[in-house]
Every structure is written in C-alpha cells, then in structure tokens.
C-alpha cells in the first residue's frame, strides 16, 4: 500500500508539489511548524544525553532524510543544520562548535569535534548547462565522511565528497578539497598533510607537505 502511494505521488507532479508545499514554503525552504512539532520528533533520532541548542540554532531538518544525533553529543549555539539534500548523521560524544554549518549528506563519527564556524556541505549546485541558472539544475551530491575522533579547527571548510580518516587534525581556516588518511594532520588552503602518525616509532612525523591522496 505504501509503495503504491509513493508511486502515485511520484507520478503526479501536481500532488508531489502540493505535498512538498505542505512541508516547506516554496520561497522559504524551512520545515513548517507542524512538521517540526508533530512529524520530525517521531522520525529523527536523538541519543540519550544529547543536547541541541535549538533556540539559537537553525535546525532545518526534513522528514524525507535522516537526522541522527548520537548519545552525549552537543550541537552548540548558532549552528545551522540542513538535511534537505541528504542524511545528517552525528555519532556519539561528538561536538559541533558555535556557528558551524552542516548540510547533508554528511556523516560524523564518534567523538568528532568541530570548532567554531566550520562549514561542511555535501552538495554543490549543478552548473553544467551554462544557459540555465544553477539554482534550476540538479544538485551534485557527494557524501562527506569524518571518521571517529577527528577534529576540525575553527573556520575550516570541508567540500563535498571528502573523506577524512580516523583521529585526524585539521588546522583552523583550512579548506579540505581531497581525502585525508587516518592519523594525519592537515592545514592550509587547499589543505595539505604536514604530519602522519608512525605507529612503530610512536611519534608524529613530518611529511614535507606532500599532497593528499585522491
């Protein structure tokens, strides 16, 4: 029955637009009040002990994608989170710093820390057709993954499709455009790896600013 209903909705553009309008205004793409109060709480998951400072933050999450916050995680004031284009999944004991922006698809592992004003977006506006406004073209979605125990410095930017490995350190103000392997320190614009952990010697070793892996 549900599958049939989905097929009907997808096949009827008028019904689809009406349902979308009932969820979010056309000119103000935020979930309507009734979605926030009566739908999202039953769909999205918030772990025990997790704190979301909703009064000062803009949590624009929609029912068609996941929004999961793990236990004991903290989303600080003036944060913006949007899952309209893809899932936003935040692990356990993670922290999202003041004024940060997370736009799905994004997945943060356990104990990930974002400093203040970090920008993470898992999509870009399509622009292949030079004769059309990019706002009218399909989004280019590429999930961002930040593995367990990695920390992102204040004012850093993580672009769509980047995979940051476990226990990495990203310097403040860095722009990460390529993948970073586990146990690395990366800084700059575009960010470059400057250190990696040597488990045999049990020290962080300089890498002479070698470029990051694709």
N, C-alpha and C. Protein backbone atom coordinates (compact mmCIF):
# COMPACT_ATOMS: atom_id res chain seq x y z
N UNK A 1 0.83 -1.21 0.00
CA UNK A 1 0.00 0.00 0.00
C UNK A 1 0.86 1.26 0.00
N UNK A 2 1.89 1.29 0.86
CA UNK A 2 2.77 2.46 0.96
C UNK A 2 3.55 2.64 -0.33
N UNK A 3 4.05 1.52 -0.88
CA UNK A 3 4.80 1.61 -2.14
C UNK A 3 3.92 2.13 -3.27
N UNK A 4 2.67 1.70 -3.28
CA UNK A 4 1.75 2.17 -4.31
C UNK A 4 1.49 3.66 -4.17
N UNK A 5 1.34 4.12 -2.91
CA UNK A 5 1.13 5.54 -2.65
C UNK A 5 2.32 6.36 -3.11
N UNK A 6 3.52 5.87 -2.84
CA UNK A 6 4.73 6.57 -3.29
C UNK A 6 4.77 6.67 -4.80
N UNK A 7 4.38 5.60 -5.48
CA UNK A 7 4.38 5.59 -6.94
C UNK A 7 3.40 6.62 -7.48
N UNK A 8 2.21 6.70 -6.86
CA UNK A 8 1.20 7.67 -7.28
C UNK A 8 1.71 9.09 -7.11
N UNK A 9 2.33 9.35 -5.96
CA UNK A 9 2.85 10.70 -5.68
C UNK A 9 3.94 11.09 -6.67
N UNK A 10 4.87 10.16 -6.91
CA UNK A 10 5.97 10.45 -7.83
C UNK A 10 5.47 10.65 -9.26
N UNK A 11 4.39 9.95 -9.60
CA UNK A 11 3.87 10.02 -10.97
C UNK A 11 2.94 11.19 -11.22
N UNK A 12 2.55 11.90 -10.17
CA UNK A 12 1.63 13.02 -10.32
C UNK A 12 2.33 14.28 -9.83
N UNK A 13 2.75 15.12 -10.77
CA UNK A 13 3.54 16.29 -10.41
C UNK A 13 2.74 17.26 -9.54
N UNK A 14 1.42 17.36 -9.79
CA UNK A 14 0.58 18.27 -9.01
C UNK A 14 0.51 17.83 -7.55
N UNK A 15 0.31 16.53 -7.31
CA UNK A 15 0.24 16.01 -5.94
C UNK A 15 1.60 16.17 -5.24
N UNK A 16 2.66 15.87 -5.98
CA UNK A 16 4.00 15.97 -5.41
C UNK A 16 4.30 17.40 -4.96
N UNK A 17 3.96 18.38 -5.79
CA UNK A 17 4.21 19.79 -5.44
C UNK A 17 3.34 20.22 -4.27
N UNK A 18 2.10 19.72 -4.22
CA UNK A 18 1.21 20.06 -3.11
C UNK A 18 1.74 19.53 -1.79
N UNK A 19 2.22 18.29 -1.79
CA UNK A 19 2.79 17.69 -0.58
C UNK A 19 4.05 18.43 -0.15
N UNK A 20 4.90 18.75 -1.13
CA UNK A 20 6.13 19.48 -0.82
C UNK A 20 5.80 20.86 -0.23
N UNK A 21 4.80 21.53 -0.80
CA UNK A 21 4.37 22.84 -0.27
C UNK A 21 3.85 22.72 1.16
N UNK A 22 3.19 21.61 1.46
CA UNK A 22 2.66 21.42 2.82
C UNK A 22 3.77 21.19 3.84
N UNK A 23 4.93 20.78 3.36
CA UNK A 23 6.07 20.53 4.25
C UNK A 23 6.95 21.76 4.40
N UNK A 24 7.16 22.49 3.30
CA UNK A 24 8.05 23.64 3.33
C UNK A 24 7.58 24.70 2.34
N UNK A 25 7.57 25.98 2.71
CA UNK A 25 7.19 27.04 1.77
C UNK A 25 8.14 27.10 0.58
N UNK A 26 7.63 27.45 -0.58
CA UNK A 26 8.45 27.49 -1.79
C UNK A 26 9.56 28.53 -1.70
N UNK A 27 9.23 29.70 -1.15
CA UNK A 27 10.21 30.79 -1.11
C UNK A 27 11.01 30.85 0.19
N UNK A 28 10.72 29.95 1.12
CA UNK A 28 11.44 29.92 2.39
C UNK A 28 11.65 28.45 2.78
N UNK A 29 12.68 27.84 2.21
CA UNK A 29 12.86 26.38 2.36
C UNK A 29 13.25 25.94 3.76
N UNK A 30 12.28 26.02 4.66
CA UNK A 30 12.44 25.52 6.02
C UNK A 30 11.22 24.67 6.35
N UNK A 31 11.38 23.66 7.20
CA UNK A 31 10.20 22.85 7.55
C UNK A 31 9.15 23.69 8.26
N UNK A 32 7.90 23.45 7.92
CA UNK A 32 6.81 24.18 8.57
C UNK A 32 6.70 23.77 10.04
N UNK A 33 6.00 24.61 10.80
CA UNK A 33 5.87 24.40 12.23
C UNK A 33 5.31 23.02 12.56
N UNK A 34 4.30 22.58 11.82
CA UNK A 34 3.67 21.30 12.13
C UNK A 34 4.60 20.13 11.84
N UNK A 35 5.49 20.30 10.88
CA UNK A 35 6.49 19.27 10.60
C UNK A 35 7.48 19.17 11.76
N UNK A 36 7.94 20.33 12.24
CA UNK A 36 8.90 20.37 13.35
C UNK A 36 8.32 19.73 14.62
N UNK A 37 7.04 20.02 14.88
CA UNK A 37 6.45 19.61 16.16
C UNK A 37 5.83 18.23 16.15
N UNK A 38 5.23 17.84 15.02
CA UNK A 38 4.42 16.63 15.03
C UNK A 38 4.93 15.50 14.14
N UNK A 39 5.93 15.77 13.30
CA UNK A 39 6.46 14.73 12.42
C UNK A 39 7.92 14.39 12.76
N UNK A 40 8.77 15.42 12.75
CA UNK A 40 10.20 15.17 12.96
C UNK A 40 10.54 14.44 14.26
N UNK A 41 9.89 14.77 15.39
CA UNK A 41 10.25 14.07 16.63
C UNK A 41 10.04 12.57 16.59
N UNK A 42 9.17 12.11 15.70
CA UNK A 42 8.90 10.67 15.60
C UNK A 42 9.75 9.99 14.52
N UNK A 43 10.47 10.78 13.74
CA UNK A 43 11.28 10.22 12.65
C UNK A 43 12.77 10.31 12.96
N UNK A 44 13.20 11.45 13.45
CA UNK A 44 14.62 11.66 13.71
C UNK A 44 15.01 11.16 15.09
N UNK A 45 16.30 10.86 15.25
CA UNK A 45 16.77 10.20 16.47
C UNK A 45 17.75 11.08 17.23
N UNK A 46 17.52 11.19 18.52
CA UNK A 46 18.40 11.94 19.40
C UNK A 46 18.78 11.05 20.57
N UNK A 47 20.06 10.76 20.71
CA UNK A 47 20.54 9.83 21.72
C UNK A 47 20.43 10.39 23.13
N UNK A 48 20.50 9.51 24.09
CA UNK A 48 20.43 9.90 25.50
C UNK A 48 21.56 10.85 25.85
N UNK A 49 21.21 11.94 26.50
CA UNK A 49 22.22 12.90 26.93
C UNK A 49 22.64 13.89 25.85
N UNK A 50 22.13 13.75 24.62
CA UNK A 50 22.48 14.68 23.55
C UNK A 50 21.80 16.02 23.78
N UNK A 51 22.50 17.09 23.42
CA UNK A 51 21.98 18.44 23.60
C UNK A 51 22.03 19.18 22.26
N UNK A 52 20.89 19.74 21.86
CA UNK A 52 20.81 20.58 20.67
C UNK A 52 20.28 21.94 21.12
N UNK A 53 21.06 22.97 20.97
CA UNK A 53 20.64 24.30 21.41
C UNK A 53 19.75 24.93 20.33
N UNK A 54 18.50 24.49 20.32
CA UNK A 54 17.58 24.82 19.23
C UNK A 54 17.16 26.29 19.22
N UNK A 55 17.08 26.93 20.35
CA UNK A 55 16.58 28.30 20.39
C UNK A 55 17.43 29.25 19.57
N UNK A 56 18.74 29.06 19.62
CA UNK A 56 19.64 29.97 18.92
C UNK A 56 20.18 29.38 17.62
N UNK A 57 19.81 28.15 17.31
CA UNK A 57 20.32 27.48 16.12
C UNK A 57 19.21 27.32 15.08
N UNK A 58 19.61 27.07 13.86
CA UNK A 58 18.65 26.83 12.78
C UNK A 58 18.76 25.36 12.37
N UNK A 59 17.84 24.56 12.89
CA UNK A 59 17.83 23.13 12.62
C UNK A 59 16.75 22.86 11.57
N UNK A 60 17.12 23.00 10.31
CA UNK A 60 16.18 22.81 9.20
C UNK A 60 16.28 21.36 8.72
N UNK A 61 15.55 20.49 9.38
CA UNK A 61 15.59 19.07 9.02
C UNK A 61 14.21 18.63 8.54
N UNK A 62 14.22 17.81 7.51
CA UNK A 62 13.01 17.39 6.84
C UNK A 62 12.78 15.89 7.04
N UNK A 63 11.54 15.44 6.91
CA UNK A 63 11.25 14.03 7.22
C UNK A 63 11.72 13.02 6.18
N UNK A 64 12.09 13.48 4.98
CA UNK A 64 12.46 12.52 3.94
C UNK A 64 13.91 12.06 4.03
N UNK A 65 14.73 12.67 4.89
CA UNK A 65 16.10 12.22 5.12
C UNK A 65 16.36 12.08 6.61
N UNK A 66 17.38 11.32 6.96
CA UNK A 66 17.68 11.08 8.37
C UNK A 66 18.38 12.27 9.00
N UNK A 67 18.07 12.48 10.27
CA UNK A 67 18.83 13.39 11.13
C UNK A 67 19.02 12.66 12.45
N UNK A 68 20.25 12.21 12.69
CA UNK A 68 20.55 11.40 13.87
C UNK A 68 21.65 12.07 14.68
N UNK A 69 21.42 12.24 15.96
CA UNK A 69 22.43 12.77 16.87
C UNK A 69 22.68 11.73 17.95
N UNK A 70 23.91 11.26 18.05
CA UNK A 70 24.25 10.20 18.99
C UNK A 70 24.23 10.65 20.44
N UNK A 71 24.34 9.68 21.32
CA UNK A 71 24.26 9.97 22.75
C UNK A 71 25.41 10.87 23.21
N UNK A 72 25.08 11.77 24.13
CA UNK A 72 26.03 12.68 24.77
C UNK A 72 26.71 13.64 23.79
N UNK A 73 26.14 13.81 22.61
CA UNK A 73 26.70 14.77 21.67
C UNK A 73 26.12 16.15 21.93
N UNK A 74 26.84 17.18 21.47
CA UNK A 74 26.44 18.57 21.72
C UNK A 74 26.46 19.36 20.42
N UNK A 75 25.34 20.00 20.10
CA UNK A 75 25.27 20.95 18.99
C UNK A 75 25.13 22.33 19.60
N UNK A 76 26.17 23.14 19.43
CA UNK A 76 26.26 24.42 20.11
C UNK A 76 25.37 25.49 19.48
N UNK A 77 25.34 26.67 20.10
CA UNK A 77 24.52 27.80 19.67
C UNK A 77 24.88 28.27 18.26
N UNK A 78 23.88 28.84 17.59
CA UNK A 78 24.02 29.50 16.29
C UNK A 78 24.48 28.55 15.19
N UNK A 79 24.23 27.27 15.40
CA UNK A 79 24.55 26.26 14.38
C UNK A 79 23.43 26.17 13.35
N UNK A 80 23.80 25.84 12.12
CA UNK A 80 22.82 25.58 11.07
C UNK A 80 23.00 24.14 10.60
N UNK A 81 21.91 23.38 10.61
CA UNK A 81 21.94 22.00 10.10
C UNK A 81 20.78 21.82 9.13
N UNK A 82 21.07 21.25 7.97
CA UNK A 82 20.05 21.04 6.94
C UNK A 82 20.26 19.67 6.31
N UNK A 83 19.21 18.85 6.34
CA UNK A 83 19.28 17.51 5.74
C UNK A 83 18.42 17.39 4.49
N UNK A 84 18.07 18.53 3.91
CA UNK A 84 17.19 18.51 2.75
C UNK A 84 17.76 17.75 1.57
N UNK A 85 19.09 17.81 1.39
CA UNK A 85 19.73 17.15 0.25
C UNK A 85 20.30 15.78 0.59
N UNK A 86 20.38 15.44 1.88
CA UNK A 86 20.94 14.16 2.26
C UNK A 86 21.00 14.00 3.77
N UNK A 87 21.21 12.77 4.21
CA UNK A 87 21.23 12.46 5.63
C UNK A 87 22.30 13.27 6.36
N UNK A 88 21.99 13.65 7.60
CA UNK A 88 22.98 14.20 8.53
C UNK A 88 23.02 13.28 9.73
N UNK A 89 24.14 12.59 9.89
CA UNK A 89 24.28 11.59 10.95
C UNK A 89 25.49 11.97 11.80
N UNK A 90 25.26 12.20 13.07
CA UNK A 90 26.30 12.61 14.02
C UNK A 90 26.44 11.52 15.07
N UNK A 91 27.65 11.05 15.29
CA UNK A 91 27.89 9.93 16.19
C UNK A 91 27.79 10.30 17.66
N UNK A 92 28.23 9.38 18.50
CA UNK A 92 28.20 9.57 19.95
C UNK A 92 29.34 10.47 20.42
N UNK A 93 29.06 11.26 21.46
CA UNK A 93 30.08 12.08 22.11
C UNK A 93 30.77 13.05 21.15
N UNK A 94 30.03 13.48 20.14
CA UNK A 94 30.56 14.45 19.17
C UNK A 94 30.21 15.86 19.63
N UNK A 95 30.90 16.84 19.06
CA UNK A 95 30.62 18.23 19.41
C UNK A 95 30.68 19.09 18.15
N UNK A 96 29.61 19.86 17.94
CA UNK A 96 29.54 20.79 16.82
C UNK A 96 29.65 22.20 17.39
N UNK A 97 30.71 22.91 17.00
CA UNK A 97 31.02 24.19 17.62
C UNK A 97 30.09 25.31 17.24
N UNK A 98 30.18 26.40 17.97
CA UNK A 98 29.32 27.58 17.79
C UNK A 98 29.40 28.08 16.35
N UNK A 99 28.23 28.31 15.75
CA UNK A 99 28.16 28.93 14.43
C UNK A 99 28.53 28.03 13.27
N UNK A 100 28.68 26.74 13.49
CA UNK A 100 29.05 25.83 12.41
C UNK A 100 27.85 25.53 11.52
N UNK A 101 28.14 25.10 10.29
CA UNK A 101 27.11 24.77 9.30
C UNK A 101 27.34 23.35 8.80
N UNK A 102 26.30 22.52 8.88
CA UNK A 102 26.36 21.15 8.35
C UNK A 102 25.19 20.96 7.41
N UNK A 103 25.50 20.71 6.13
CA UNK A 103 24.48 20.49 5.11
C UNK A 103 24.72 19.11 4.52
N UNK A 104 23.73 18.21 4.64
CA UNK A 104 23.89 16.84 4.20
C UNK A 104 24.02 16.70 2.69
N UNK A 105 24.49 15.53 2.25
CA UNK A 105 24.78 14.35 3.06
C UNK A 105 26.13 14.42 3.79
N UNK A 106 26.06 14.24 5.11
CA UNK A 106 27.25 14.31 5.97
C UNK A 106 27.13 13.24 7.05
N UNK A 107 28.27 12.60 7.34
CA UNK A 107 28.30 11.60 8.41
C UNK A 107 29.52 11.89 9.30
N UNK A 108 29.26 12.17 10.58
CA UNK A 108 30.33 12.40 11.55
C UNK A 108 30.41 11.21 12.49
N UNK A 109 31.60 10.70 12.73
CA UNK A 109 31.79 9.55 13.60
C UNK A 109 31.74 9.92 15.07
N UNK A 110 32.01 8.95 15.91
CA UNK A 110 32.04 9.16 17.36
C UNK A 110 33.20 10.07 17.76
N UNK A 111 32.94 10.95 18.72
CA UNK A 111 33.94 11.86 19.29
C UNK A 111 34.54 12.83 18.27
N UNK A 112 33.85 13.05 17.17
CA UNK A 112 34.30 14.08 16.22
C UNK A 112 34.06 15.45 16.83
N UNK A 113 35.00 16.36 16.66
CA UNK A 113 34.85 17.71 17.18
C UNK A 113 34.98 18.74 16.07
N UNK A 114 34.00 19.64 15.99
CA UNK A 114 34.08 20.76 15.06
C UNK A 114 34.29 22.03 15.86
N UNK A 115 35.26 22.83 15.45
CA UNK A 115 35.48 24.11 16.11
C UNK A 115 34.41 25.11 15.71
N UNK A 116 34.64 26.37 16.04
CA UNK A 116 33.66 27.41 15.73
C UNK A 116 33.64 27.72 14.23
N UNK A 117 32.43 27.91 13.71
CA UNK A 117 32.23 28.39 12.33
C UNK A 117 32.84 27.47 11.27
N UNK A 118 32.78 26.20 11.51
CA UNK A 118 33.20 25.21 10.49
C UNK A 118 32.06 25.07 9.47
N UNK A 119 32.41 24.98 8.20
CA UNK A 119 31.40 24.83 7.13
C UNK A 119 31.61 23.49 6.44
N UNK A 120 30.55 22.66 6.44
CA UNK A 120 30.60 21.34 5.82
C UNK A 120 29.36 21.18 4.96
N UNK A 121 29.52 20.97 3.67
CA UNK A 121 28.37 20.80 2.78
C UNK A 121 28.60 19.63 1.83
N UNK A 122 27.65 18.71 1.82
CA UNK A 122 27.76 17.52 0.98
C UNK A 122 27.17 17.68 -0.40
N UNK A 123 26.89 18.90 -0.83
CA UNK A 123 26.41 19.09 -2.20
C UNK A 123 26.92 20.39 -2.78
N UNK A 124 26.88 20.46 -4.11
CA UNK A 124 27.14 21.69 -4.84
C UNK A 124 25.99 21.91 -5.82
N UNK A 125 25.76 23.14 -6.18
CA UNK A 125 24.77 23.42 -7.22
C UNK A 125 25.34 23.01 -8.58
N UNK A 126 24.53 22.30 -9.36
CA UNK A 126 24.96 21.92 -10.70
C UNK A 126 25.05 23.13 -11.61
N UNK A 127 26.03 23.12 -12.50
CA UNK A 127 26.20 24.27 -13.40
C UNK A 127 26.61 23.83 -14.80
N UNK A 128 26.41 22.54 -15.13
CA UNK A 128 26.86 22.02 -16.42
C UNK A 128 26.21 22.75 -17.60
N UNK A 129 24.94 23.09 -17.45
CA UNK A 129 24.24 23.80 -18.51
C UNK A 129 24.47 25.29 -18.31
N UNK A 130 25.35 25.87 -19.10
CA UNK A 130 25.70 27.27 -18.96
C UNK A 130 24.59 28.23 -19.35
N UNK A 131 23.52 27.72 -19.94
CA UNK A 131 22.42 28.57 -20.37
C UNK A 131 21.27 28.58 -19.37
N UNK A 132 21.45 27.91 -18.23
CA UNK A 132 20.42 27.88 -17.19
C UNK A 132 20.99 28.31 -15.85
N UNK A 133 20.16 28.95 -15.04
CA UNK A 133 20.55 29.30 -13.68
C UNK A 133 20.91 28.03 -12.92
N UNK A 134 22.00 28.05 -12.18
CA UNK A 134 22.42 26.85 -11.45
C UNK A 134 21.38 26.44 -10.41
N UNK A 135 20.58 27.39 -9.93
CA UNK A 135 19.52 27.05 -8.98
C UNK A 135 18.44 26.16 -9.59
N UNK A 136 18.36 26.14 -10.91
CA UNK A 136 17.36 25.34 -11.60
C UNK A 136 17.91 23.99 -12.06
N UNK A 137 19.18 23.73 -11.80
CA UNK A 137 19.82 22.48 -12.22
C UNK A 137 19.93 21.52 -11.04
N UNK A 138 20.01 20.21 -11.32
CA UNK A 138 20.09 19.23 -10.23
C UNK A 138 21.31 19.45 -9.35
N UNK A 139 21.14 19.19 -8.06
CA UNK A 139 22.26 19.26 -7.14
C UNK A 139 23.25 18.13 -7.40
N UNK A 140 24.52 18.41 -7.18
CA UNK A 140 25.55 17.38 -7.26
C UNK A 140 25.87 16.97 -5.82
N UNK A 141 25.40 15.78 -5.43
CA UNK A 141 25.51 15.34 -4.04
C UNK A 141 26.66 14.34 -3.88
N UNK A 142 27.54 14.60 -2.92
CA UNK A 142 28.65 13.71 -2.61
C UNK A 142 28.84 13.71 -1.10
N UNK A 143 28.60 12.57 -0.48
CA UNK A 143 28.64 12.49 0.98
C UNK A 143 30.01 12.83 1.55
N UNK A 144 30.00 13.60 2.62
CA UNK A 144 31.22 13.87 3.40
C UNK A 144 31.23 12.93 4.60
N UNK A 145 32.36 12.29 4.83
CA UNK A 145 32.51 11.40 5.98
C UNK A 145 33.71 11.85 6.80
N UNK A 146 33.49 12.04 8.08
CA UNK A 146 34.58 12.35 9.01
C UNK A 146 34.59 11.25 10.06
N UNK A 147 35.66 10.49 10.10
CA UNK A 147 35.72 9.30 10.94
C UNK A 147 35.95 9.66 12.41
N UNK A 148 35.87 8.62 13.25
CA UNK A 148 35.93 8.76 14.70
C UNK A 148 37.14 9.57 15.18
N UNK A 149 36.88 10.43 16.17
CA UNK A 149 37.93 11.12 16.94
C UNK A 149 38.74 12.13 16.13
N UNK A 150 38.21 12.54 14.98
CA UNK A 150 38.88 13.59 14.21
C UNK A 150 38.37 14.95 14.65
N UNK A 151 39.24 15.96 14.54
CA UNK A 151 38.89 17.30 15.00
C UNK A 151 39.16 18.31 13.89
N UNK A 152 38.18 19.19 13.69
CA UNK A 152 38.25 20.17 12.62
C UNK A 152 38.36 21.55 13.25
N UNK A 153 39.42 22.30 12.91
CA UNK A 153 39.66 23.60 13.51
C UNK A 153 38.67 24.66 13.08
N UNK A 154 38.61 25.73 13.84
CA UNK A 154 37.68 26.83 13.60
C UNK A 154 37.83 27.39 12.19
N UNK A 155 36.69 27.73 11.58
CA UNK A 155 36.63 28.39 10.26
C UNK A 155 37.11 27.51 9.11
N UNK A 156 37.25 26.22 9.34
CA UNK A 156 37.63 25.31 8.26
C UNK A 156 36.44 25.05 7.34
N UNK A 157 36.73 24.68 6.09
CA UNK A 157 35.71 24.33 5.10
C UNK A 157 36.02 22.93 4.59
N UNK A 158 35.00 22.06 4.60
CA UNK A 158 35.14 20.71 4.06
C UNK A 158 34.21 20.61 2.86
N UNK A 159 34.75 20.34 1.68
CA UNK A 159 33.92 20.35 0.47
C UNK A 159 33.30 18.99 0.23
N UNK A 160 32.30 18.96 -0.63
CA UNK A 160 31.53 17.75 -0.91
C UNK A 160 32.42 16.61 -1.39
N UNK A 161 32.13 15.39 -0.89
CA UNK A 161 32.81 14.19 -1.32
C UNK A 161 34.07 13.84 -0.57
N UNK A 162 34.50 14.69 0.35
CA UNK A 162 35.74 14.46 1.09
C UNK A 162 35.53 13.41 2.18
N UNK A 163 36.52 12.55 2.34
CA UNK A 163 36.54 11.53 3.39
C UNK A 163 37.75 11.80 4.28
N UNK A 164 37.50 12.17 5.52
CA UNK A 164 38.57 12.41 6.49
C UNK A 164 38.65 11.21 7.41
N UNK A 165 39.82 10.64 7.52
CA UNK A 165 40.01 9.40 8.27
C UNK A 165 39.93 9.57 9.77
N UNK A 166 40.27 8.50 10.46
CA UNK A 166 40.18 8.46 11.92
C UNK A 166 41.30 9.28 12.57
N UNK A 167 40.96 9.95 13.66
CA UNK A 167 41.87 10.69 14.53
C UNK A 167 42.77 11.66 13.75
N UNK A 168 42.15 12.40 12.85
CA UNK A 168 42.87 13.44 12.10
C UNK A 168 42.70 14.79 12.78
N UNK A 169 43.62 15.69 12.49
CA UNK A 169 43.56 17.06 12.98
C UNK A 169 43.61 17.99 11.77
N UNK A 170 42.58 18.83 11.62
CA UNK A 170 42.52 19.77 10.51
C UNK A 170 42.70 21.17 11.07
N UNK A 171 43.69 21.90 10.58
CA UNK A 171 44.02 23.20 11.12
C UNK A 171 42.95 24.24 10.90
N UNK A 172 42.90 25.23 11.77
CA UNK A 172 41.93 26.31 11.66
C UNK A 172 42.07 27.03 10.32
N UNK A 173 40.94 27.33 9.69
CA UNK A 173 40.94 28.06 8.43
C UNK A 173 41.30 27.24 7.21
N UNK A 174 41.49 25.95 7.37
CA UNK A 174 41.87 25.10 6.23
C UNK A 174 40.67 24.87 5.31
N UNK A 175 40.96 24.63 4.03
CA UNK A 175 39.94 24.26 3.05
C UNK A 175 40.31 22.87 2.54
N UNK A 176 39.53 21.87 2.94
CA UNK A 176 39.87 20.48 2.62
C UNK A 176 39.13 20.09 1.35
N UNK A 177 39.88 19.82 0.30
CA UNK A 177 39.31 19.51 -1.01
C UNK A 177 39.53 18.06 -1.44
N UNK A 178 40.39 17.34 -0.71
CA UNK A 178 40.69 15.95 -1.06
C UNK A 178 40.70 15.09 0.20
N UNK A 179 40.66 13.78 0.00
CA UNK A 179 40.61 12.84 1.12
C UNK A 179 41.87 12.93 1.99
N UNK A 180 41.68 12.63 3.25
CA UNK A 180 42.79 12.62 4.20
C UNK A 180 42.82 11.27 4.89
N UNK A 181 43.94 10.56 4.87
CA UNK A 181 44.01 9.24 5.50
C UNK A 181 44.01 9.33 7.02
N UNK A 182 43.80 8.18 7.67
CA UNK A 182 43.78 8.12 9.13
C UNK A 182 45.06 8.71 9.73
N UNK A 183 44.92 9.26 10.94
CA UNK A 183 46.06 9.72 11.74
C UNK A 183 46.94 10.71 10.98
N UNK A 184 46.29 11.75 10.45
CA UNK A 184 47.02 12.79 9.71
C UNK A 184 46.70 14.16 10.27
N UNK A 185 47.65 15.08 10.08
CA UNK A 185 47.44 16.49 10.38
C UNK A 185 47.50 17.24 9.06
N UNK A 186 46.47 18.03 8.77
CA UNK A 186 46.42 18.76 7.50
C UNK A 186 46.08 20.22 7.76
N UNK A 187 46.73 21.12 7.02
CA UNK A 187 46.49 22.55 7.19
C UNK A 187 46.57 23.24 5.82
N UNK A 188 45.99 24.43 5.74
CA UNK A 188 46.17 25.28 4.56
C UNK A 188 44.99 25.32 3.62
N UNK A 189 45.14 26.11 2.55
CA UNK A 189 44.13 26.27 1.51
C UNK A 189 44.80 26.21 0.15
N UNK A 190 44.65 25.10 -0.59
CA UNK A 190 43.97 23.86 -0.17
C UNK A 190 44.81 23.13 0.86
N UNK A 191 44.14 22.37 1.73
CA UNK A 191 44.83 21.70 2.83
C UNK A 191 45.81 20.65 2.33
N UNK A 192 46.95 20.60 2.98
CA UNK A 192 47.97 19.59 2.69
C UNK A 192 48.35 18.88 3.99
N UNK A 193 48.70 17.61 3.86
CA UNK A 193 49.14 16.84 5.03
C UNK A 193 50.54 17.29 5.43
N UNK A 194 50.70 17.64 6.70
CA UNK A 194 52.03 18.03 7.17
C UNK A 194 52.61 17.01 8.15
N UNK A 195 51.75 16.15 8.74
CA UNK A 195 52.23 15.14 9.67
C UNK A 195 51.35 13.88 9.57
N UNK A 196 51.97 12.74 9.83
CA UNK A 196 51.24 11.49 9.99
C UNK A 196 51.85 10.71 11.15
N UNK A 197 51.01 9.92 11.80
CA UNK A 197 51.48 9.20 12.98
C UNK A 197 52.16 7.91 12.57
N UNK A 198 53.38 7.70 13.11
CA UNK A 198 54.14 6.48 12.87
C UNK A 198 53.94 5.57 14.08
N UNK A 199 53.21 4.46 13.88
CA UNK A 199 52.89 3.58 15.00
C UNK A 199 54.10 2.80 15.48
N UNK A 200 55.05 2.53 14.60
CA UNK A 200 56.26 1.81 15.03
C UNK A 200 57.12 2.67 15.94
N UNK A 201 57.29 3.95 15.57
CA UNK A 201 58.10 4.86 16.38
C UNK A 201 57.29 5.56 17.45
N UNK A 202 55.95 5.51 17.29
CA UNK A 202 55.02 6.15 18.22
C UNK A 202 55.26 7.66 18.29
N UNK A 203 55.44 8.27 17.11
CA UNK A 203 55.62 9.72 17.01
C UNK A 203 54.89 10.24 15.76
N UNK A 204 54.58 11.54 15.78
CA UNK A 204 54.05 12.20 14.59
C UNK A 204 55.23 12.65 13.74
N UNK A 205 55.24 12.26 12.48
CA UNK A 205 56.35 12.58 11.59
C UNK A 205 55.92 13.59 10.53
N UNK A 206 56.83 14.52 10.22
CA UNK A 206 56.58 15.48 9.15
C UNK A 206 56.53 14.77 7.81
N UNK A 207 55.72 15.30 6.89
CA UNK A 207 55.58 14.66 5.57
C UNK A 207 56.06 15.56 4.45
N UNK A 208 56.75 16.67 4.78
CA UNK A 208 57.28 17.60 3.79
C UNK A 208 56.20 18.15 2.87
N UNK A 209 55.00 18.38 3.47
CA UNK A 209 53.90 18.99 2.73
C UNK A 209 53.51 18.21 1.46
N UNK A 210 53.59 16.92 1.51
CA UNK A 210 53.17 16.13 0.35
C UNK A 210 51.66 16.31 0.14
N UNK A 211 51.23 16.20 -1.09
CA UNK A 211 49.83 16.39 -1.40
C UNK A 211 49.03 15.20 -0.89
N UNK A 212 47.76 15.42 -0.66
CA UNK A 212 46.90 14.38 -0.10
C UNK A 212 46.50 13.37 -1.15
N UNK A 213 46.11 12.18 -0.66
CA UNK A 213 45.64 11.12 -1.54
C UNK A 213 44.34 11.55 -2.21
N UNK A 214 44.12 11.04 -3.40
CA UNK A 214 42.85 11.31 -4.10
C UNK A 214 41.72 10.58 -3.41
